[in-house]
Amino acid sequence: MSENASNPYKIYTTTWIALLIITVAMLAAEKFHMPRWFLVLFLLAFMMVKAIMIGGNFMHLRYEHSRIAFMVFVGILVTSLILFAFLTPEAASVLAKTPR
């Protein structure tokens, strides 16, 4: 914690600015006509970066033991896989019923 002794909120300000820039970049990516698979991978990659930044800085996981951070990561991963398992068949069903 001594690295931010002069300004204790510097890490929060820096993180907030970085998150803002990443969010604007993600919103701007929709305007470019790139392949759909690349756009999805681009957005997922930056969502993971944002989640790591938020977890590390705002949830103070960067100062915890690596086992606690790993447990949080596993929880998020399992939740994502469960959501993916339930939403993928539903999305396919909706797309099949949608007239084109």
PDB file of N, CA and C in Angstrom:
ATOM      1  N   MET A   1       0.807  -1.194   0.000  1.00  0.00           N
ATOM      2  CA  MET A   1       0.000   0.000   0.000  1.00  0.00           C
ATOM      3  C   MET A   1       0.856   1.266   0.000  1.00  0.00           C
ATOM      4  N   SER A   2       2.136   1.153   0.291  1.00  0.00           N
ATOM      5  CA  SER A   2       2.992   2.330   0.354  1.00  0.00           C
ATOM      6  C   SER A   2       3.232   2.943  -1.024  1.00  0.00           C
ATOM      7  N   GLU A   3       2.934   2.213  -2.097  1.00  0.00           N
ATOM      8  CA  GLU A   3       3.133   2.739  -3.435  1.00  0.00           C
ATOM      9  C   GLU A   3       2.203   3.903  -3.735  1.00  0.00           C
ATOM     10  N   ASN A   4       1.075   3.991  -3.052  1.00  0.00           N
ATOM     11  CA  ASN A   4       0.100   5.061  -3.275  1.00  0.00           C
ATOM     12  C   ASN A   4      -0.032   5.947  -2.048  1.00  0.00           C
ATOM     13  N   ALA A   5       1.057   6.177  -1.319  1.00  0.00           N
ATOM     14  CA  ALA A   5       0.983   6.940  -0.075  1.00  0.00           C
ATOM     15  C   ALA A   5       0.611   8.399  -0.321  1.00  0.00           C
ATOM     16  N   SER A   6       1.068   8.989  -1.426  1.00  0.00           N
ATOM     17  CA  SER A   6       0.764  10.396  -1.675  1.00  0.00           C
ATOM     18  C   SER A   6      -0.687  10.601  -2.097  1.00  0.00           C
ATOM     19  N   ASN A   7      -1.222   9.685  -2.880  1.00  0.00           N
ATOM     20  CA  ASN A   7      -2.614   9.781  -3.323  1.00  0.00           C
ATOM     21  C   ASN A   7      -3.236   8.398  -3.230  1.00  0.00           C
ATOM     22  N   PRO A   8      -3.985   8.112  -2.164  1.00  0.00           N
ATOM     23  CA  PRO A   8      -4.523   6.765  -1.988  1.00  0.00           C
ATOM     24  C   PRO A   8      -5.576   6.388  -3.028  1.00  0.00           C
ATOM     25  N   TYR A   9      -6.146   7.359  -3.705  1.00  0.00           N
ATOM     26  CA  TYR A   9      -7.196   7.076  -4.680  1.00  0.00           C
ATOM     27  C   TYR A   9      -6.674   7.009  -6.114  1.00  0.00           C
ATOM     28  N   LYS A  10      -5.352   7.063  -6.279  1.00  0.00           N
ATOM     29  CA  LYS A  10      -4.774   7.041  -7.622  1.00  0.00           C
ATOM     30  C   LYS A  10      -5.107   5.745  -8.351  1.00  0.00           C
ATOM     31  N   ILE A  11      -5.038   4.624  -7.679  1.00  0.00           N
ATOM     32  CA  ILE A  11      -5.325   3.334  -8.325  1.00  0.00           C
ATOM     33  C   ILE A  11      -6.790   3.261  -8.756  1.00  0.00           C
ATOM     34  N   TYR A  12      -7.687   3.835  -7.954  1.00  0.00           N
ATOM     35  CA  TYR A  12      -9.101   3.829  -8.315  1.00  0.00           C
ATOM     36  C   TYR A  12      -9.369   4.732  -9.518  1.00  0.00           C
ATOM     37  N   THR A  13      -8.748   5.885  -9.526  1.00  0.00           N
ATOM     38  CA  THR A  13      -8.920   6.806 -10.645  1.00  0.00           C
ATOM     39  C   THR A  13      -8.352   6.201 -11.930  1.00  0.00           C
ATOM     40  N   THR A  14      -7.167   5.619 -11.831  1.00  0.00           N
ATOM     41  CA  THR A  14      -6.548   5.000 -13.002  1.00  0.00           C
ATOM     42  C   THR A  14      -7.402   3.846 -13.515  1.00  0.00           C
ATOM     43  N   THR A  15      -7.902   3.025 -12.611  1.00  0.00           N
ATOM     44  CA  THR A  15      -8.755   1.905 -13.011  1.00  0.00           C
ATOM     45  C   THR A  15     -10.041   2.411 -13.650  1.00  0.00           C
ATOM     46  N   TRP A  16     -10.640   3.422 -13.076  1.00  0.00           N
ATOM     47  CA  TRP A  16     -11.888   3.959 -13.623  1.00  0.00           C
ATOM     48  C   TRP A  16     -11.672   4.510 -15.030  1.00  0.00           C
ATOM     49  N   ILE A  17     -10.567   5.218 -15.245  1.00  0.00           N
ATOM     50  CA  ILE A  17     -10.282   5.769 -16.573  1.00  0.00           C
ATOM     51  C   ILE A  17     -10.039   4.639 -17.575  1.00  0.00           C
ATOM     52  N   ALA A  18      -9.293   3.616 -17.159  1.00  0.00           N
ATOM     53  CA  ALA A  18      -9.042   2.479 -18.052  1.00  0.00           C
ATOM     54  C   ALA A  18     -10.349   1.760 -18.392  1.00  0.00           C
ATOM     55  N   LEU A  19     -11.219   1.567 -17.408  1.00  0.00           N
ATOM     56  CA  LEU A  19     -12.510   0.927 -17.661  1.00  0.00           C
ATOM     57  C   LEU A  19     -13.366   1.768 -18.609  1.00  0.00           C
ATOM     58  N   LEU A  20     -13.312   3.078 -18.454  1.00  0.00           N
ATOM     59  CA  LEU A  20     -14.058   3.973 -19.339  1.00  0.00           C
ATOM     60  C   LEU A  20     -13.555   3.866 -20.779  1.00  0.00           C
ATOM     61  N   ILE A  21     -12.246   3.843 -20.952  1.00  0.00           N
ATOM     62  CA  ILE A  21     -11.666   3.735 -22.293  1.00  0.00           C
ATOM     63  C   ILE A  21     -12.031   2.398 -22.933  1.00  0.00           C
ATOM     64  N   ILE A  22     -11.941   1.318 -22.148  1.00  0.00           N
ATOM     65  CA  ILE A  22     -12.293  -0.002 -22.685  1.00  0.00           C
ATOM     66  C   ILE A  22     -13.769  -0.058 -23.062  1.00  0.00           C
ATOM     67  N   THR A  23     -14.630   0.529 -22.228  1.00  0.00           N
ATOM     68  CA  THR A  23     -16.064   0.537 -22.519  1.00  0.00           C
ATOM     69  C   THR A  23     -16.361   1.309 -23.798  1.00  0.00           C
ATOM     70  N   VAL A  24     -15.736   2.456 -23.976  1.00  0.00           N
ATOM     71  CA  VAL A  24     -15.934   3.248 -25.196  1.00  0.00           C
ATOM     72  C   VAL A  24     -15.423   2.473 -26.410  1.00  0.00           C
ATOM     73  N   ALA A  25     -14.295   1.777 -26.264  1.00  0.00           N
ATOM     74  CA  ALA A  25     -13.765   0.968 -27.369  1.00  0.00           C
ATOM     75  C   ALA A  25     -14.722  -0.170 -27.720  1.00  0.00           C
ATOM     76  N   MET A  26     -15.328  -0.770 -26.698  1.00  0.00           N
ATOM     77  CA  MET A  26     -16.289  -1.845 -26.961  1.00  0.00           C
ATOM     78  C   MET A  26     -17.525  -1.313 -27.668  1.00  0.00           C
ATOM     79  N   LEU A  27     -17.995  -0.146 -27.264  1.00  0.00           N
ATOM     80  CA  LEU A  27     -19.152   0.455 -27.932  1.00  0.00           C
ATOM     81  C   LEU A  27     -18.811   0.867 -29.357  1.00  0.00           C
ATOM     82  N   ALA A  28     -17.609   1.382 -29.576  1.00  0.00           N
ATOM     83  CA  ALA A  28     -17.190   1.800 -30.910  1.00  0.00           C
ATOM     84  C   ALA A  28     -16.982   0.601 -31.836  1.00  0.00           C
ATOM     85  N   ALA A  29     -16.660  -0.555 -31.271  1.00  0.00           N
ATOM     86  CA  ALA A  29     -16.433  -1.750 -32.095  1.00  0.00           C
ATOM     87  C   ALA A  29     -17.686  -2.153 -32.853  1.00  0.00           C
ATOM     88  N   GLU A  30     -18.839  -1.819 -32.321  1.00  0.00           N
ATOM     89  CA  GLU A  30     -20.097  -2.130 -33.016  1.00  0.00           C
ATOM     90  C   GLU A  30     -20.230  -1.348 -34.317  1.00  0.00           C
ATOM     91  N   LYS A  31     -19.613  -0.186 -34.390  1.00  0.00           N
ATOM     92  CA  LYS A  31     -19.741   0.664 -35.573  1.00  0.00           C
ATOM     93  C   LYS A  31     -18.930   0.149 -36.757  1.00  0.00           C
ATOM     94  N   PHE A  32     -17.868  -0.583 -36.465  1.00  0.00           N
ATOM     95  CA  PHE A  32     -17.045  -1.132 -37.541  1.00  0.00           C
ATOM     96  C   PHE A  32     -17.687  -2.408 -38.053  1.00  0.00           C
ATOM     97  N   HIS A  33     -17.590  -2.620 -39.327  1.00  0.00           N
ATOM     98  CA  HIS A  33     -18.191  -3.802 -39.936  1.00  0.00           C
ATOM     99  C   HIS A  33     -17.160  -4.925 -39.982  1.00  0.00           C
ATOM    100  N   MET A  34     -16.993  -5.584 -38.859  1.00  0.00           N
ATOM    101  CA  MET A  34     -16.061  -6.710 -38.773  1.00  0.00           C
ATOM    102  C   MET A  34     -16.859  -8.002 -38.698  1.00  0.00           C
ATOM    103  N   PRO A  35     -16.235  -9.112 -38.985  1.00  0.00           N
ATOM    104  CA  PRO A  35     -16.966 -10.385 -38.908  1.00  0.00           C
ATOM    105  C   PRO A  35     -17.559 -10.607 -37.517  1.00  0.00           C
ATOM    106  N   ARG A  36     -18.715 -11.235 -37.503  1.00  0.00           N
ATOM    107  CA  ARG A  36     -19.447 -11.414 -36.238  1.00  0.00           C
ATOM    108  C   ARG A  36     -18.653 -12.217 -35.215  1.00  0.00           C
ATOM    109  N   TRP A  37     -17.963 -13.269 -35.665  1.00  0.00           N
ATOM    110  CA  TRP A  37     -17.197 -14.090 -34.732  1.00  0.00           C
ATOM    111  C   TRP A  37     -16.062 -13.292 -34.106  1.00  0.00           C
ATOM    112  N   PHE A  38     -15.431 -12.401 -34.897  1.00  0.00           N
ATOM    113  CA  PHE A  38     -14.344 -11.582 -34.363  1.00  0.00           C
ATOM    114  C   PHE A  38     -14.876 -10.564 -33.365  1.00  0.00           C
ATOM    115  N   LEU A  39     -16.016  -9.981 -33.663  1.00  0.00           N
ATOM    116  CA  LEU A  39     -16.617  -9.015 -32.752  1.00  0.00           C
ATOM    117  C   LEU A  39     -16.958  -9.671 -31.421  1.00  0.00           C
ATOM    118  N   VAL A  40     -17.524 -10.863 -31.454  1.00  0.00           N
ATOM    119  CA  VAL A  40     -17.877 -11.574 -30.227  1.00  0.00           C
ATOM    120  C   VAL A  40     -16.617 -11.881 -29.414  1.00  0.00           C
ATOM    121  N   LEU A  41     -15.566 -12.377 -30.073  1.00  0.00           N
ATOM    122  CA  LEU A  41     -14.316 -12.666 -29.360  1.00  0.00           C
ATOM    123  C   LEU A  41     -13.690 -11.395 -28.796  1.00  0.00           C
ATOM    124  N   PHE A  42     -13.738 -10.310 -29.562  1.00  0.00           N
ATOM    125  CA  PHE A  42     -13.216  -9.023 -29.115  1.00  0.00           C
ATOM    126  C   PHE A  42     -13.947  -8.547 -27.858  1.00  0.00           C
ATOM    127  N   LEU A  43     -15.264  -8.591 -27.904  1.00  0.00           N
ATOM    128  CA  LEU A  43     -16.049  -8.142 -26.756  1.00  0.00           C
ATOM    129  C   LEU A  43     -15.853  -9.041 -25.543  1.00  0.00           C
ATOM    130  N   LEU A  44     -15.796 -10.352 -25.744  1.00  0.00           N
ATOM    131  CA  LEU A  44     -15.569 -11.265 -24.625  1.00  0.00           C
ATOM    132  C   LEU A  44     -14.201 -11.055 -23.986  1.00  0.00           C
ATOM    133  N   ALA A  45     -13.185 -10.831 -24.807  1.00  0.00           N
ATOM    134  CA  ALA A  45     -11.842 -10.617 -24.270  1.00  0.00           C
ATOM    135  C   ALA A  45     -11.809  -9.357 -23.402  1.00  0.00           C
ATOM    136  N   PHE A  46     -12.417  -8.282 -23.891  1.00  0.00           N
ATOM    137  CA  PHE A  46     -12.396  -7.051 -23.114  1.00  0.00           C
ATOM    138  C   PHE A  46     -13.308  -7.125 -21.889  1.00  0.00           C
ATOM    139  N   MET A  47     -14.364  -7.911 -21.960  1.00  0.00           N
ATOM    140  CA  MET A  47     -15.192  -8.113 -20.764  1.00  0.00           C
ATOM    141  C   MET A  47     -14.406  -8.840 -19.682  1.00  0.00           C
ATOM    142  N   MET A  48     -13.584  -9.813 -20.096  1.00  0.00           N
ATOM    143  CA  MET A  48     -12.751 -10.517 -19.115  1.00  0.00           C
ATOM    144  C   MET A  48     -11.703  -9.585 -18.509  1.00  0.00           C
ATOM    145  N   VAL A  49     -11.109  -8.726 -19.341  1.00  0.00           N
ATOM    146  CA  VAL A  49     -10.133  -7.765 -18.828  1.00  0.00           C
ATOM    147  C   VAL A  49     -10.793  -6.833 -17.818  1.00  0.00           C
ATOM    148  N   LYS A  50     -11.985  -6.364 -18.144  1.00  0.00           N
ATOM    149  CA  LYS A  50     -12.696  -5.484 -17.221  1.00  0.00           C
ATOM    150  C   LYS A  50     -13.052  -6.198 -15.923  1.00  0.00           C
ATOM    151  N   ALA A  51     -13.462  -7.451 -16.009  1.00  0.00           N
ATOM    152  CA  ALA A  51     -13.797  -8.214 -14.800  1.00  0.00           C
ATOM    153  C   ALA A  51     -12.571  -8.401 -13.914  1.00  0.00           C
ATOM    154  N   ILE A  52     -11.428  -8.675 -14.530  1.00  0.00           N
ATOM    155  CA  ILE A  52     -10.194  -8.837 -13.759  1.00  0.00           C
ATOM    156  C   ILE A  52      -9.798  -7.519 -13.096  1.00  0.00           C
ATOM    157  N   MET A  53      -9.919  -6.417 -13.818  1.00  0.00           N
ATOM    158  CA  MET A  53      -9.587  -5.117 -13.241  1.00  0.00           C
ATOM    159  C   MET A  53     -10.507  -4.765 -12.078  1.00  0.00           C
ATOM    160  N   ILE A  54     -11.796  -5.006 -12.242  1.00  0.00           N
ATOM    161  CA  ILE A  54     -12.758  -4.699 -11.179  1.00  0.00           C
ATOM    162  C   ILE A  54     -12.517  -5.598  -9.974  1.00  0.00           C
ATOM    163  N   GLY A  55     -12.339  -6.884 -10.221  1.00  0.00           N
ATOM    164  CA  GLY A  55     -12.089  -7.807  -9.117  1.00  0.00           C
ATOM    165  C   GLY A  55     -10.790  -7.515  -8.397  1.00  0.00           C
ATOM    166  N   GLY A  56      -9.766  -7.205  -9.156  1.00  0.00           N
ATOM    167  CA  GLY A  56      -8.464  -6.957  -8.549  1.00  0.00           C
ATOM    168  C   GLY A  56      -8.388  -5.670  -7.769  1.00  0.00           C
ATOM    169  N   ASN A  57      -8.978  -4.606  -8.300  1.00  0.00           N
ATOM    170  CA  ASN A  57      -8.826  -3.294  -7.672  1.00  0.00           C
ATOM    171  C   ASN A  57      -9.987  -2.917  -6.757  1.00  0.00           C
ATOM    172  N   PHE A  58     -11.213  -3.048  -7.222  1.00  0.00           N
ATOM    173  CA  PHE A  58     -12.346  -2.609  -6.418  1.00  0.00           C
ATOM    174  C   PHE A  58     -12.774  -3.642  -5.383  1.00  0.00           C
ATOM    175  N   MET A  59     -12.543  -4.923  -5.669  1.00  0.00           N
ATOM    176  CA  MET A  59     -12.870  -5.974  -4.706  1.00  0.00           C
ATOM    177  C   MET A  59     -11.629  -6.388  -3.913  1.00  0.00           C
ATOM    178  N   HIS A  60     -10.503  -5.719  -4.158  1.00  0.00           N
ATOM    179  CA  HIS A  60      -9.251  -5.896  -3.416  1.00  0.00           C
ATOM    180  C   HIS A  60      -8.705  -7.317  -3.499  1.00  0.00           C
ATOM    181  N   LEU A  61      -8.962  -8.029  -4.596  1.00  0.00           N
ATOM    182  CA  LEU A  61      -8.435  -9.380  -4.746  1.00  0.00           C
ATOM    183  C   LEU A  61      -6.944  -9.389  -5.050  1.00  0.00           C
ATOM    184  N   ARG A  62      -6.397  -8.278  -5.492  1.00  0.00           N
ATOM    185  CA  ARG A  62      -4.964  -8.241  -5.793  1.00  0.00           C
ATOM    186  C   ARG A  62      -4.131  -8.334  -4.526  1.00  0.00           C
ATOM    187  N   TYR A  63      -4.722  -8.016  -3.369  1.00  0.00           N
ATOM    188  CA  TYR A  63      -3.996  -8.074  -2.101  1.00  0.00           C
ATOM    189  C   TYR A  63      -4.273  -9.355  -1.321  1.00  0.00           C
ATOM    190  N   GLU A  64      -5.132 -10.216  -1.837  1.00  0.00           N
ATOM    191  CA  GLU A  64      -5.482 -11.457  -1.152  1.00  0.00           C
ATOM    192  C   GLU A  64      -4.557 -12.591  -1.592  1.00  0.00           C
ATOM    193  N   HIS A  65      -4.655 -13.695  -0.885  1.00  0.00           N
ATOM    194  CA  HIS A  65      -3.909 -14.884  -1.288  1.00  0.00           C
ATOM    195  C   HIS A  65      -4.434 -15.353  -2.644  1.00  0.00           C
ATOM    196  N   SER A  66      -3.579 -15.977  -3.404  1.00  0.00           N
ATOM    197  CA  SER A  66      -3.966 -16.401  -4.750  1.00  0.00           C
ATOM    198  C   SER A  66      -5.078 -17.448  -4.714  1.00  0.00           C
ATOM    199  N   ARG A  67      -5.191 -18.202  -3.616  1.00  0.00           N
ATOM    200  CA  ARG A  67      -6.258 -19.202  -3.520  1.00  0.00           C
ATOM    201  C   ARG A  67      -7.637 -18.552  -3.470  1.00  0.00           C
ATOM    202  N   ILE A  68      -7.757 -17.422  -2.808  1.00  0.00           N
ATOM    203  CA  ILE A  68      -9.050 -16.739  -2.735  1.00  0.00           C
ATOM    204  C   ILE A  68      -9.427 -16.186  -4.108  1.00  0.00           C
ATOM    205  N   ALA A  69      -8.474 -15.584  -4.792  1.00  0.00           N
ATOM    206  CA  ALA A  69      -8.735 -15.081  -6.144  1.00  0.00           C
ATOM    207  C   ALA A  69      -9.092 -16.229  -7.078  1.00  0.00           C
ATOM    208  N   PHE A  70      -8.440 -17.361  -6.918  1.00  0.00           N
ATOM    209  CA  PHE A  70      -8.739 -18.532  -7.737  1.00  0.00           C
ATOM    210  C   PHE A  70     -10.155 -19.031  -7.473  1.00  0.00           C
ATOM    211  N   MET A  71     -10.586 -19.028  -6.218  1.00  0.00           N
ATOM    212  CA  MET A  71     -11.948 -19.461  -5.889  1.00  0.00           C
ATOM    213  C   MET A  71     -12.983 -18.542  -6.527  1.00  0.00           C
ATOM    214  N   VAL A  72     -12.730 -17.242  -6.523  1.00  0.00           N
ATOM    215  CA  VAL A  72     -13.641 -16.296  -7.171  1.00  0.00           C
ATOM    216  C   VAL A  72     -13.671 -16.566  -8.676  1.00  0.00           C
ATOM    217  N   PHE A  73     -12.504 -16.786  -9.279  1.00  0.00           N
ATOM    218  CA  PHE A  73     -12.431 -17.078 -10.710  1.00  0.00           C
ATOM    219  C   PHE A  73     -13.205 -18.345 -11.058  1.00  0.00           C
ATOM    220  N   VAL A  74     -13.041 -19.393 -10.258  1.00  0.00           N
ATOM    221  CA  VAL A  74     -13.752 -20.653 -10.516  1.00  0.00           C
ATOM    222  C   VAL A  74     -15.262 -20.446 -10.388  1.00  0.00           C
ATOM    223  N   GLY A  75     -15.694 -19.683  -9.406  1.00  0.00           N
ATOM    224  CA  GLY A  75     -17.121 -19.392  -9.245  1.00  0.00           C
ATOM    225  C   GLY A  75     -17.704 -18.668 -10.448  1.00  0.00           C
ATOM    226  N   ILE A  76     -16.978 -17.687 -10.949  1.00  0.00           N
ATOM    227  CA  ILE A  76     -17.434 -16.948 -12.133  1.00  0.00           C
ATOM    228  C   ILE A  76     -17.443 -17.862 -13.353  1.00  0.00           C
ATOM    229  N   LEU A  77     -16.431 -18.704 -13.485  1.00  0.00           N
ATOM    230  CA  LEU A  77     -16.357 -19.630 -14.619  1.00  0.00           C
ATOM    231  C   LEU A  77     -17.506 -20.634 -14.597  1.00  0.00           C
ATOM    232  N   VAL A  78     -17.788 -21.213 -13.442  1.00  0.00           N
ATOM    233  CA  VAL A  78     -18.876 -22.193 -13.333  1.00  0.00           C
ATOM    234  C   VAL A  78     -20.220 -21.521 -13.623  1.00  0.00           C
ATOM    235  N   THR A  79     -20.423 -20.328 -13.086  1.00  0.00           N
ATOM    236  CA  THR A  79     -21.667 -19.602 -13.343  1.00  0.00           C
ATOM    237  C   THR A  79     -21.822 -19.300 -14.833  1.00  0.00           C
ATOM    238  N   SER A  80     -20.744 -18.898 -15.473  1.00  0.00           N
ATOM    239  CA  SER A  80     -20.797 -18.612 -16.909  1.00  0.00           C
ATOM    240  C   SER A  80     -21.121 -19.862 -17.714  1.00  0.00           C
ATOM    241  N   LEU A  81     -20.520 -20.983 -17.345  1.00  0.00           N
ATOM    242  CA  LEU A  81     -20.801 -22.227 -18.063  1.00  0.00           C
ATOM    243  C   LEU A  81     -22.252 -22.676 -17.880  1.00  0.00           C
ATOM    244  N   ILE A  82     -22.782 -22.523 -16.686  1.00  0.00           N
ATOM    245  CA  ILE A  82     -24.187 -22.878 -16.445  1.00  0.00           C
ATOM    246  C   ILE A  82     -25.105 -21.981 -17.267  1.00  0.00           C
ATOM    247  N   LEU A  83     -24.845 -20.678 -17.269  1.00  0.00           N
ATOM    248  CA  LEU A  83     -25.661 -19.765 -18.072  1.00  0.00           C
ATOM    249  C   LEU A  83     -25.561 -20.102 -19.557  1.00  0.00           C
ATOM    250  N   PHE A  84     -24.355 -20.389 -20.023  1.00  0.00           N
ATOM    251  CA  PHE A  84     -24.166 -20.758 -21.419  1.00  0.00           C
ATOM    252  C   PHE A  84     -24.937 -22.026 -21.763  1.00  0.00           C
ATOM    253  N   ALA A  85     -24.913 -23.000 -20.859  1.00  0.00           N
ATOM    254  CA  ALA A  85     -25.605 -24.271 -21.102  1.00  0.00           C
ATOM    255  C   ALA A  85     -27.117 -24.082 -21.199  1.00  0.00           C
ATOM    256  N   PHE A  86     -27.666 -23.146 -20.424  1.00  0.00           N
ATOM    257  CA  PHE A  86     -29.103 -22.927 -20.460  1.00  0.00           C
ATOM    258  C   PHE A  86     -29.536 -21.957 -21.552  1.00  0.00           C
ATOM    259  N   LEU A  87     -28.711 -20.969 -21.853  1.00  0.00           N
ATOM    260  CA  LEU A  87     -29.119 -19.950 -22.822  1.00  0.00           C
ATOM    261  C   LEU A  87     -28.885 -20.347 -24.268  1.00  0.00           C
ATOM    262  N   THR A  88     -27.907 -21.191 -24.539  1.00  0.00           N
ATOM    263  CA  THR A  88     -27.619 -21.575 -25.921  1.00  0.00           C
ATOM    264  C   THR A  88     -28.786 -22.321 -26.574  1.00  0.00           C
ATOM    265  N   PRO A  89     -29.366 -23.342 -25.938  1.00  0.00           N
ATOM    266  CA  PRO A  89     -30.516 -24.002 -26.578  1.00  0.00           C
ATOM    267  C   PRO A  89     -31.722 -23.064 -26.719  1.00  0.00           C
ATOM    268  N   GLU A  90     -31.908 -22.197 -25.755  1.00  0.00           N
ATOM    269  CA  GLU A  90     -33.022 -21.247 -25.831  1.00  0.00           C
ATOM    270  C   GLU A  90     -32.821 -20.280 -26.994  1.00  0.00           C
ATOM    271  N   ALA A  91     -31.601 -19.804 -27.178  1.00  0.00           N
ATOM    272  CA  ALA A  91     -31.316 -18.893 -28.287  1.00  0.00           C
ATOM    273  C   ALA A  91     -31.528 -19.587 -29.626  1.00  0.00           C
ATOM    274  N   ALA A  92     -31.122 -20.830 -29.728  1.00  0.00           N
ATOM    275  CA  ALA A  92     -31.334 -21.583 -30.965  1.00  0.00           C
ATOM    276  C   ALA A  92     -32.813 -21.758 -31.249  1.00  0.00           C
ATOM    277  N   SER A  93     -33.595 -21.991 -30.203  1.00  0.00           N
ATOM    278  CA  SER A  93     -35.044 -22.133 -30.367  1.00  0.00           C
ATOM    279  C   SER A  93     -35.686 -20.832 -30.825  1.00  0.00           C
ATOM    280  N   VAL A  94     -35.262 -19.723 -30.247  1.00  0.00           N
ATOM    281  CA  VAL A  94     -35.801 -18.422 -30.636  1.00  0.00           C
ATOM    282  C   VAL A  94     -35.425 -18.100 -32.072  1.00  0.00           C
ATOM    283  N   LEU A  95     -34.184 -18.369 -32.455  1.00  0.00           N
ATOM    284  CA  LEU A  95     -33.760 -18.106 -33.830  1.00  0.00           C
ATOM    285  C   LEU A  95     -34.506 -18.970 -34.828  1.00  0.00           C
ATOM    286  N   ALA A  96     -34.830 -20.200 -34.461  1.00  0.00           N
ATOM    287  CA  ALA A  96     -35.546 -21.088 -35.356  1.00  0.00           C
ATOM    288  C   ALA A  96     -36.991 -20.611 -35.578  1.00  0.00           C
ATOM    289  N   LYS A  97     -37.587 -19.992 -34.573  1.00  0.00           N
ATOM    290  CA  LYS A  97     -38.975 -19.508 -34.669  1.00  0.00           C
ATOM    291  C   LYS A  97     -39.087 -18.127 -35.270  1.00  0.00           C
ATOM    292  N   THR A  98     -37.975 -17.389 -35.381  1.00  0.00           N
ATOM    293  CA  THR A  98     -38.013 -16.034 -35.895  1.00  0.00           C
ATOM    294  C   THR A  98     -38.125 -16.061 -37.414  1.00  0.00           C
ATOM    295  N   PRO A  99     -39.133 -15.374 -37.969  1.00  0.00           N
ATOM    296  CA  PRO A  99     -39.246 -15.327 -39.440  1.00  0.00           C
ATOM    297  C   PRO A  99     -38.159 -14.442 -40.034  1.00  0.00           C
ATOM    298  N   ARG A 100     -37.684 -14.823 -41.190  1.00  0.00           N
ATOM    299  CA  ARG A 100     -36.632 -14.026 -41.855  1.00  0.00           C
ATOM    300  C   ARG A 100     -37.118 -13.380 -43.083  1.00  0.00           C
TER     301      ARG A 100
END
